[in-house]
Amino acid sequence: MNTDYELFALDVDGTLLERDGTLAPSTREFLARLSRHSRVTLATGRSVSAASPWIDVLKISTPAILYHGAVVYDPLAKRALHEEHVPGELARKVFSVAHNFPVQPQIYRSLDDPLVYVLEVTPQIEAFFAREGLSGKVIEDETEVLAVDPIKMLFIGDPAELPCFEDELRKVAPELTIIRSEKKYVEVLPPAASKGNALAWLCEYLGIPLAHTVAVGDQMIDLSMIERAGLGVAMAHSGPELQVRADVVISQISELEGLL
């Protein structure tokens, strides 16, 4: 395999992994071959704890983009190279809105704290933790946890009601990045945090031109890196909004080999 692309940034859920959360043998084999010629890394909304098993399985040594771009993490040194947080004052404003909606909050406090803080463990949160291999801690309210500026917050809710919740969040905290990562998930990130900005930061750090990168994803949250990469790739099951703005559409990661 010969490729002029020096860095491949891959979303995890729905992109690298199959719908059932497994890694296809063809994907694993392709990435092993690709790693001999180019840098391969992950670009995911997952936390350090949730991403680490796949970093280990795939032997990722290139810094990974985590928390949807709020963190660039060095898996060898096990530390953040670049890290952003939601200012505590704005985080508290977010919760003042959340208390008025039927949403289930999660607080991701810091890299050195593997726990996810919740007000209760609902079936939806329990399923989320099981999927991502996370552990949670129930708190009475968010006051003490938000004494430390969090990396991100995630809210699970009814897709029909979340647009109103998002609108209210943008009114009280327009500085923050408010995203719908999946139909039932609204995530609140630091100002200007995005996979695209993190990819640009990582390229500068590694000395790799953005034009020499490939970014692959399946959600609109991946659009910022897909548009900034030299080759932006959308998965075939993604929506038309993403596909029309990507350079290429594929069904499996291994299909990239035919494009290189």
C-alpha atoms as a PDB file:
ATOM      1  CA  MET A   1       0.000   0.000   0.000  1.00  0.00           C
ATOM      2  CA  ASN A   2       1.356   3.404  -0.998  1.00  0.00           C
ATOM      3  CA  THR A   3      -0.317   6.580   0.180  1.00  0.00           C
ATOM      4  CA  ASP A   4       0.534  10.270   0.287  1.00  0.00           C
ATOM      5  CA  TYR A   5      -1.781  10.676   3.268  1.00  0.00           C
ATOM      6  CA  GLU A   6       0.228  10.881   6.477  1.00  0.00           C
ATOM      7  CA  LEU A   7      -2.554  10.868   9.080  1.00  0.00           C
ATOM      8  CA  PHE A   8      -5.893   9.034   9.284  1.00  0.00           C
ATOM      9  CA  ALA A   9      -8.386  10.256  11.922  1.00  0.00           C
ATOM     10  CA  LEU A  10     -11.223   7.785  12.469  1.00  0.00           C
ATOM     11  CA  ASP A  11     -14.450   8.232  14.382  1.00  0.00           C
ATOM     12  CA  VAL A  12     -15.205   5.208  16.580  1.00  0.00           C
ATOM     13  CA  ASP A  13     -18.913   4.478  17.081  1.00  0.00           C
ATOM     14  CA  GLY A  14     -20.700   3.872  13.797  1.00  0.00           C
ATOM     15  CA  THR A  15     -17.481   4.302  11.808  1.00  0.00           C
ATOM     16  CA  LEU A  16     -14.633   2.178  13.084  1.00  0.00           C
ATOM     17  CA  LEU A  17     -17.001  -0.131  14.975  1.00  0.00           C
ATOM     18  CA  GLU A  18     -19.943  -2.038  13.564  1.00  0.00           C
ATOM     19  CA  ARG A  19     -23.478  -1.214  14.673  1.00  0.00           C
ATOM     20  CA  ASP A  20     -23.215  -3.926  17.361  1.00  0.00           C
ATOM     21  CA  GLY A  21     -20.078  -2.333  18.805  1.00  0.00           C
ATOM     22  CA  THR A  22     -17.640  -4.915  17.424  1.00  0.00           C
ATOM     23  CA  LEU A  23     -14.585  -4.461  15.235  1.00  0.00           C
ATOM     24  CA  ALA A  24     -14.792  -6.272  11.899  1.00  0.00           C
ATOM     25  CA  PRO A  25     -11.775  -8.499  11.112  1.00  0.00           C
ATOM     26  CA  SER A  26     -11.411  -6.749   7.739  1.00  0.00           C
ATOM     27  CA  THR A  27     -11.162  -3.391   9.545  1.00  0.00           C
ATOM     28  CA  ARG A  28      -8.550  -4.660  11.972  1.00  0.00           C
ATOM     29  CA  GLU A  29      -6.459  -6.157   9.149  1.00  0.00           C
ATOM     30  CA  PHE A  30      -6.688  -3.032   7.013  1.00  0.00           C
ATOM     31  CA  LEU A  31      -5.645  -0.755   9.884  1.00  0.00           C
ATOM     32  CA  ALA A  32      -2.672  -2.985  10.628  1.00  0.00           C
ATOM     33  CA  ARG A  33      -1.514  -2.609   7.018  1.00  0.00           C
ATOM     34  CA  LEU A  34      -2.255   1.109   6.979  1.00  0.00           C
ATOM     35  CA  SER A  35      -0.242   1.680  10.164  1.00  0.00           C
ATOM     36  CA  ARG A  36       2.902   0.526   8.393  1.00  0.00           C
ATOM     37  CA  HIS A  37       2.724   3.544   6.056  1.00  0.00           C
ATOM     38  CA  SER A  38       0.749   6.272   7.860  1.00  0.00           C
ATOM     39  CA  ARG A  39      -0.231   7.482  11.305  1.00  0.00           C
ATOM     40  CA  VAL A  40      -3.628   6.217  12.435  1.00  0.00           C
ATOM     41  CA  THR A  41      -5.604   7.687  15.314  1.00  0.00           C
ATOM     42  CA  LEU A  42      -9.099   7.973  16.769  1.00  0.00           C
ATOM     43  CA  ALA A  43     -11.336  11.039  16.698  1.00  0.00           C
ATOM     44  CA  THR A  44     -14.223  10.344  19.041  1.00  0.00           C
ATOM     45  CA  GLY A  45     -16.596  11.806  21.571  1.00  0.00           C
ATOM     46  CA  ARG A  46     -15.575   9.084  23.988  1.00  0.00           C
ATOM     47  CA  SER A  47     -13.709   9.808  27.204  1.00  0.00           C
ATOM     48  CA  VAL A  48     -10.237   8.476  27.980  1.00  0.00           C
ATOM     49  CA  SER A  49     -11.737   5.518  29.861  1.00  0.00           C
ATOM     50  CA  ALA A  50     -14.137   4.637  27.040  1.00  0.00           C
ATOM     51  CA  ALA A  51     -11.595   5.070  24.236  1.00  0.00           C
ATOM     52  CA  SER A  52      -8.636   3.349  25.897  1.00  0.00           C
ATOM     53  CA  PRO A  53      -9.721  -0.257  25.168  1.00  0.00           C
ATOM     54  CA  TRP A  54      -9.773   0.495  21.429  1.00  0.00           C
ATOM     55  CA  ILE A  55      -6.536   2.471  21.629  1.00  0.00           C
ATOM     56  CA  ASP A  56      -4.972  -0.651  23.148  1.00  0.00           C
ATOM     57  CA  VAL A  57      -6.567  -3.151  20.747  1.00  0.00           C
ATOM     58  CA  LEU A  58      -5.488  -1.153  17.693  1.00  0.00           C
ATOM     59  CA  LYS A  59      -2.100  -0.222  19.160  1.00  0.00           C
ATOM     60  CA  ILE A  60      -2.736   3.475  18.568  1.00  0.00           C
ATOM     61  CA  SER A  61       0.420   5.466  19.339  1.00  0.00           C
ATOM     62  CA  THR A  62      -0.509   8.737  17.605  1.00  0.00           C
ATOM     63  CA  PRO A  63      -2.282  11.269  19.865  1.00  0.00           C
ATOM     64  CA  ALA A  64      -6.038  10.749  19.820  1.00  0.00           C
ATOM     65  CA  ILE A  65      -8.844  13.297  19.586  1.00  0.00           C
ATOM     66  CA  LEU A  66     -11.256  12.665  22.482  1.00  0.00           C
ATOM     67  CA  TYR A  67     -14.390  14.301  23.933  1.00  0.00           C
ATOM     68  CA  HIS A  68     -15.332  15.532  20.436  1.00  0.00           C
ATOM     69  CA  GLY A  69     -12.156  17.602  20.250  1.00  0.00           C
ATOM     70  CA  ALA A  70     -11.969  19.041  23.767  1.00  0.00           C
ATOM     71  CA  VAL A  71      -8.876  16.888  24.393  1.00  0.00           C
ATOM     72  CA  VAL A  72      -5.928  15.678  22.339  1.00  0.00           C
ATOM     73  CA  TYR A  73      -4.520  12.744  24.305  1.00  0.00           C
ATOM     74  CA  ASP A  74      -1.101  11.116  24.094  1.00  0.00           C
ATOM     75  CA  PRO A  75      -1.711   7.370  24.656  1.00  0.00           C
ATOM     76  CA  LEU A  76       1.990   6.639  25.204  1.00  0.00           C
ATOM     77  CA  ALA A  77       2.600   9.296  27.852  1.00  0.00           C
ATOM     78  CA  LYS A  78      -1.007   8.909  29.099  1.00  0.00           C
ATOM     79  CA  ARG A  79      -1.543  12.658  29.339  1.00  0.00           C
ATOM     80  CA  ALA A  80      -3.341  15.443  27.542  1.00  0.00           C
ATOM     81  CA  LEU A  81      -1.355  17.431  25.013  1.00  0.00           C
ATOM     82  CA  HIS A  82      -4.218  19.853  24.523  1.00  0.00           C
ATOM     83  CA  GLU A  83      -7.178  20.216  26.866  1.00  0.00           C
ATOM     84  CA  GLU A  84     -10.167  22.524  27.128  1.00  0.00           C
ATOM     85  CA  HIS A  85     -12.872  22.767  29.799  1.00  0.00           C
ATOM     86  CA  VAL A  86     -16.333  24.245  30.161  1.00  0.00           C
ATOM     87  CA  PRO A  87     -16.054  27.303  32.452  1.00  0.00           C
ATOM     88  CA  GLY A  88     -17.810  26.518  35.736  1.00  0.00           C
ATOM     89  CA  GLU A  89     -20.065  29.569  35.559  1.00  0.00           C
ATOM     90  CA  LEU A  90     -21.354  28.477  32.151  1.00  0.00           C
ATOM     91  CA  ALA A  91     -21.696  24.867  33.278  1.00  0.00           C
ATOM     92  CA  ARG A  92     -23.945  25.999  36.112  1.00  0.00           C
ATOM     93  CA  LYS A  93     -26.058  27.997  33.654  1.00  0.00           C
ATOM     94  CA  VAL A  94     -26.458  24.839  31.583  1.00  0.00           C
ATOM     95  CA  PHE A  95     -27.761  22.955  34.607  1.00  0.00           C
ATOM     96  CA  SER A  96     -30.163  25.757  35.464  1.00  0.00           C
ATOM     97  CA  VAL A  97     -31.764  25.030  32.092  1.00  0.00           C
ATOM     98  CA  ALA A  98     -31.479  21.247  32.390  1.00  0.00           C
ATOM     99  CA  HIS A  99     -33.507  21.222  35.608  1.00  0.00           C
ATOM    100  CA  ASN A 100     -36.486  22.461  33.590  1.00  0.00           C
ATOM    101  CA  PHE A 101     -36.356  19.626  31.054  1.00  0.00           C
ATOM    102  CA  PRO A 102     -36.785  15.839  31.329  1.00  0.00           C
ATOM    103  CA  VAL A 103     -33.134  15.116  30.547  1.00  0.00           C
ATOM    104  CA  GLN A 104     -30.647  12.795  32.230  1.00  0.00           C
ATOM    105  CA  PRO A 105     -27.295  14.532  32.792  1.00  0.00           C
ATOM    106  CA  GLN A 106     -23.785  13.145  32.852  1.00  0.00           C
ATOM    107  CA  ILE A 107     -20.760  15.189  33.940  1.00  0.00           C
ATOM    108  CA  TYR A 108     -17.254  14.324  32.716  1.00  0.00           C
ATOM    109  CA  ARG A 109     -15.078  16.138  35.208  1.00  0.00           C
ATOM    110  CA  SER A 110     -11.399  15.629  34.334  1.00  0.00           C
ATOM    111  CA  LEU A 111      -8.949  13.259  32.674  1.00  0.00           C
ATOM    112  CA  ASP A 112      -7.666  11.933  35.978  1.00  0.00           C
ATOM    113  CA  ASP A 113     -11.195  11.171  37.198  1.00  0.00           C
ATOM    114  CA  PRO A 114     -12.607   8.098  35.392  1.00  0.00           C
ATOM    115  CA  LEU A 115     -16.057   8.436  36.978  1.00  0.00           C
ATOM    116  CA  VAL A 116     -19.059   9.939  35.227  1.00  0.00           C
ATOM    117  CA  TYR A 117     -21.304  11.877  37.611  1.00  0.00           C
ATOM    118  CA  VAL A 118     -25.077  11.422  37.332  1.00  0.00           C
ATOM    119  CA  LEU A 119     -28.149  12.378  39.365  1.00  0.00           C
ATOM    120  CA  GLU A 120     -29.548   8.857  39.012  1.00  0.00           C
ATOM    121  CA  VAL A 121     -28.790   5.664  37.141  1.00  0.00           C
ATOM    122  CA  THR A 122     -31.673   5.257  34.703  1.00  0.00           C
ATOM    123  CA  PRO A 123     -31.982   2.355  32.263  1.00  0.00           C
ATOM    124  CA  GLN A 124     -30.774   4.672  29.483  1.00  0.00           C
ATOM    125  CA  ILE A 125     -27.688   5.719  31.433  1.00  0.00           C
ATOM    126  CA  GLU A 126     -27.028   2.130  32.474  1.00  0.00           C
ATOM    127  CA  ALA A 127     -27.127   1.056  28.808  1.00  0.00           C
ATOM    128  CA  PHE A 128     -24.823   3.926  27.844  1.00  0.00           C
ATOM    129  CA  PHE A 129     -22.289   2.964  30.502  1.00  0.00           C
ATOM    130  CA  ALA A 130     -22.418  -0.691  29.440  1.00  0.00           C
ATOM    131  CA  ARG A 131     -21.779   0.234  25.798  1.00  0.00           C
ATOM    132  CA  GLU A 132     -18.810   2.446  26.592  1.00  0.00           C
ATOM    133  CA  GLY A 133     -17.420   0.548  29.578  1.00  0.00           C
ATOM    134  CA  LEU A 134     -17.892   3.447  31.982  1.00  0.00           C
ATOM    135  CA  SER A 135     -18.512   3.692  35.713  1.00  0.00           C
ATOM    136  CA  GLY A 136     -20.720   6.309  37.288  1.00  0.00           C
ATOM    137  CA  LYS A 137     -21.257   7.952  40.650  1.00  0.00           C
ATOM    138  CA  VAL A 138     -24.644   9.202  41.798  1.00  0.00           C
ATOM    139  CA  ILE A 139     -24.645  12.695  43.297  1.00  0.00           C
ATOM    140  CA  GLU A 140     -27.432  14.614  45.025  1.00  0.00           C
ATOM    141  CA  ASP A 141     -26.879  17.701  42.902  1.00  0.00           C
ATOM    142  CA  GLU A 142     -24.226  19.055  40.588  1.00  0.00           C
ATOM    143  CA  THR A 143     -22.916  21.858  42.828  1.00  0.00           C
ATOM    144  CA  GLU A 144     -19.872  20.127  44.275  1.00  0.00           C
ATOM    145  CA  VAL A 145     -18.887  18.391  41.026  1.00  0.00           C
ATOM    146  CA  LEU A 146     -19.041  21.646  39.077  1.00  0.00           C
ATOM    147  CA  ALA A 147     -16.605  23.266  41.504  1.00  0.00           C
ATOM    148  CA  VAL A 148     -14.108  21.908  38.947  1.00  0.00           C
ATOM    149  CA  ASP A 149     -14.623  23.059  35.355  1.00  0.00           C
ATOM    150  CA  PRO A 150     -15.804  19.911  33.503  1.00  0.00           C
ATOM    151  CA  ILE A 151     -14.503  18.707  30.162  1.00  0.00           C
ATOM    152  CA  LYS A 152     -17.994  18.048  28.876  1.00  0.00           C
ATOM    153  CA  MET A 153     -21.581  17.298  29.832  1.00  0.00           C
ATOM    154  CA  LEU A 154     -23.948  14.907  28.127  1.00  0.00           C
ATOM    155  CA  PHE A 155     -27.750  14.882  28.397  1.00  0.00           C
ATOM    156  CA  ILE A 156     -29.976  11.995  27.353  1.00  0.00           C
ATOM    157  CA  GLY A 157     -33.547  12.842  26.412  1.00  0.00           C
ATOM    158  CA  ASP A 158     -36.515  12.381  24.115  1.00  0.00           C
ATOM    159  CA  PRO A 159     -35.477  13.338  20.549  1.00  0.00           C
ATOM    160  CA  ALA A 160     -38.777  15.199  20.156  1.00  0.00           C
ATOM    161  CA  GLU A 161     -38.042  17.463  23.129  1.00  0.00           C
ATOM    162  CA  LEU A 162     -34.296  17.967  22.733  1.00  0.00           C
ATOM    163  CA  PRO A 163     -34.502  20.760  20.102  1.00  0.00           C
ATOM    164  CA  CYS A 164     -36.209  23.030  22.673  1.00  0.00           C
ATOM    165  CA  PHE A 165     -33.571  22.096  25.230  1.00  0.00           C
ATOM    166  CA  GLU A 166     -30.797  22.926  22.749  1.00  0.00           C
ATOM    167  CA  ASP A 167     -32.399  26.277  21.930  1.00  0.00           C
ATOM    168  CA  GLU A 168     -32.563  27.243  25.602  1.00  0.00           C
ATOM    169  CA  LEU A 169     -28.953  26.205  26.165  1.00  0.00           C
ATOM    170  CA  ARG A 170     -27.803  28.397  23.296  1.00  0.00           C
ATOM    171  CA  LYS A 171     -29.722  31.340  24.746  1.00  0.00           C
ATOM    172  CA  VAL A 172     -28.139  31.135  28.211  1.00  0.00           C
ATOM    173  CA  ALA A 173     -24.661  30.010  27.118  1.00  0.00           C
ATOM    174  CA  PRO A 174     -24.038  31.019  23.495  1.00  0.00           C
ATOM    175  CA  GLU A 175     -20.275  30.755  24.013  1.00  0.00           C
ATOM    176  CA  LEU A 176     -20.428  26.991  24.441  1.00  0.00           C
ATOM    177  CA  THR A 177     -20.465  24.304  21.764  1.00  0.00           C
ATOM    178  CA  ILE A 178     -23.844  22.550  21.843  1.00  0.00           C
ATOM    179  CA  ILE A 179     -24.079  19.437  19.682  1.00  0.00           C
ATOM    180  CA  ARG A 180     -26.466  16.585  18.990  1.00  0.00           C
ATOM    181  CA  SER A 181     -24.070  13.646  18.861  1.00  0.00           C
ATOM    182  CA  GLU A 182     -26.885  11.103  18.440  1.00  0.00           C
ATOM    183  CA  LYS A 183     -30.677  11.378  18.296  1.00  0.00           C
ATOM    184  CA  LYS A 184     -31.063  11.062  22.072  1.00  0.00           C
ATOM    185  CA  TYR A 185     -27.860  12.843  23.129  1.00  0.00           C
ATOM    186  CA  VAL A 186     -27.119  16.540  23.525  1.00  0.00           C
ATOM    187  CA  GLU A 187     -23.529  17.269  24.495  1.00  0.00           C
ATOM    188  CA  VAL A 188     -22.136  20.501  25.895  1.00  0.00           C
ATOM    189  CA  LEU A 189     -18.488  21.205  25.113  1.00  0.00           C
ATOM    190  CA  PRO A 190     -16.007  24.023  25.735  1.00  0.00           C
ATOM    191  CA  PRO A 191     -16.148  27.087  23.464  1.00  0.00           C
ATOM    192  CA  ALA A 192     -14.835  26.364  19.940  1.00  0.00           C
ATOM    193  CA  ALA A 193     -14.234  22.669  20.731  1.00  0.00           C
ATOM    194  CA  SER A 194     -14.662  20.497  17.645  1.00  0.00           C
ATOM    195  CA  LYS A 195     -13.038  17.552  15.956  1.00  0.00           C
ATOM    196  CA  GLY A 196     -12.015  19.845  13.107  1.00  0.00           C
ATOM    197  CA  ASN A 197     -10.180  22.279  15.377  1.00  0.00           C
ATOM    198  CA  ALA A 198      -8.552  19.398  17.232  1.00  0.00           C
ATOM    199  CA  LEU A 199      -7.427  17.841  13.957  1.00  0.00           C
ATOM    200  CA  ALA A 200      -5.830  21.148  12.922  1.00  0.00           C
ATOM    201  CA  TRP A 201      -4.096  21.392  16.324  1.00  0.00           C
ATOM    202  CA  LEU A 202      -2.832  17.819  16.037  1.00  0.00           C
ATOM    203  CA  CYS A 203      -1.516  18.393  12.516  1.00  0.00           C
ATOM    204  CA  GLU A 204       0.409  21.452  13.650  1.00  0.00           C
ATOM    205  CA  TYR A 205       1.805  19.486  16.582  1.00  0.00           C
ATOM    206  CA  LEU A 206       2.906  16.607  14.338  1.00  0.00           C
ATOM    207  CA  GLY A 207       4.099  18.835  11.494  1.00  0.00           C
ATOM    208  CA  ILE A 208       1.640  17.293   9.028  1.00  0.00           C
ATOM    209  CA  PRO A 209      -0.241  19.486   6.508  1.00  0.00           C
ATOM    210  CA  LEU A 210      -4.023  19.196   6.773  1.00  0.00           C
ATOM    211  CA  ALA A 211      -4.013  18.394   3.058  1.00  0.00           C
ATOM    212  CA  HIS A 212      -2.179  15.155   3.893  1.00  0.00           C
ATOM    213  CA  THR A 213      -4.901  13.877   6.246  1.00  0.00           C
ATOM    214  CA  VAL A 214      -7.950  11.636   5.916  1.00  0.00           C
ATOM    215  CA  ALA A 215     -10.920  12.024   8.282  1.00  0.00           C
ATOM    216  CA  VAL A 216     -13.765   9.496   8.456  1.00  0.00           C
ATOM    217  CA  GLY A 217     -17.073   9.801  10.317  1.00  0.00           C
ATOM    218  CA  ASP A 218     -20.786   9.081  10.273  1.00  0.00           C
ATOM    219  CA  GLN A 219     -22.458  11.957  12.166  1.00  0.00           C
ATOM    220  CA  MET A 220     -22.803  15.691  11.592  1.00  0.00           C
ATOM    221  CA  ILE A 221     -20.503  16.181  14.592  1.00  0.00           C
ATOM    222  CA  ASP A 222     -17.780  14.751  12.324  1.00  0.00           C
ATOM    223  CA  LEU A 223     -18.379  17.345   9.601  1.00  0.00           C
ATOM    224  CA  SER A 224     -15.820  19.849  10.891  1.00  0.00           C
ATOM    225  CA  MET A 225     -12.940  17.373  10.529  1.00  0.00           C
ATOM    226  CA  ILE A 226     -14.288  15.875   7.296  1.00  0.00           C
ATOM    227  CA  GLU A 227     -14.317  19.344   5.706  1.00  0.00           C
ATOM    228  CA  ARG A 228     -10.857  20.307   6.975  1.00  0.00           C
ATOM    229  CA  ALA A 229      -9.069  17.085   6.054  1.00  0.00           C
ATOM    230  CA  GLY A 230      -7.393  16.564   2.717  1.00  0.00           C
ATOM    231  CA  LEU A 231      -9.803  13.677   2.097  1.00  0.00           C
ATOM    232  CA  GLY A 232     -13.123  13.792   3.940  1.00  0.00           C
ATOM    233  CA  VAL A 233     -14.976  10.482   4.097  1.00  0.00           C
ATOM    234  CA  ALA A 234     -18.549   9.770   5.218  1.00  0.00           C
ATOM    235  CA  MET A 235     -19.998   6.367   6.021  1.00  0.00           C
ATOM    236  CA  ALA A 236     -22.803   5.118   3.798  1.00  0.00           C
ATOM    237  CA  HIS A 237     -25.304   4.939   6.675  1.00  0.00           C
ATOM    238  CA  SER A 238     -24.771   8.619   7.534  1.00  0.00           C
ATOM    239  CA  GLY A 239     -27.362  11.218   6.582  1.00  0.00           C
ATOM    240  CA  PRO A 240     -27.423  12.981   3.211  1.00  0.00           C
ATOM    241  CA  GLU A 241     -26.287  16.268   4.788  1.00  0.00           C
ATOM    242  CA  LEU A 242     -22.970  14.710   5.701  1.00  0.00           C
ATOM    243  CA  GLN A 243     -22.529  12.642   2.555  1.00  0.00           C
ATOM    244  CA  VAL A 244     -23.012  15.578   0.188  1.00  0.00           C
ATOM    245  CA  ARG A 245     -20.224  17.517   1.948  1.00  0.00           C
ATOM    246  CA  ALA A 246     -17.762  14.635   2.039  1.00  0.00           C
ATOM    247  CA  ASP A 247     -15.318  13.816  -0.761  1.00  0.00           C
ATOM    248  CA  VAL A 248     -16.044  10.077  -0.622  1.00  0.00           C
ATOM    249  CA  VAL A 249     -18.720   7.775   0.824  1.00  0.00           C
ATOM    250  CA  ILE A 250     -17.855   4.229   1.929  1.00  0.00           C
ATOM    251  CA  SER A 251     -19.633   1.321   3.612  1.00  0.00           C
ATOM    252  CA  GLN A 252     -16.643  -0.182   5.441  1.00  0.00           C
ATOM    253  CA  ILE A 253     -13.346   1.317   6.632  1.00  0.00           C
ATOM    254  CA  SER A 254     -11.474  -1.305   4.616  1.00  0.00           C
ATOM    255  CA  GLU A 255     -12.874   0.258   1.406  1.00  0.00           C
ATOM    256  CA  LEU A 256     -10.385   3.093   1.911  1.00  0.00           C
ATOM    257  CA  GLU A 257      -7.672   0.769   0.645  1.00  0.00           C
ATOM    258  CA  GLY A 258      -9.072   0.969  -2.874  1.00  0.00           C
ATOM    259  CA  LEU A 259      -8.893   4.765  -2.765  1.00  0.00           C
ATOM    260  CA  LEU A 260      -5.243   5.064  -1.743  1.00  0.00           C
END
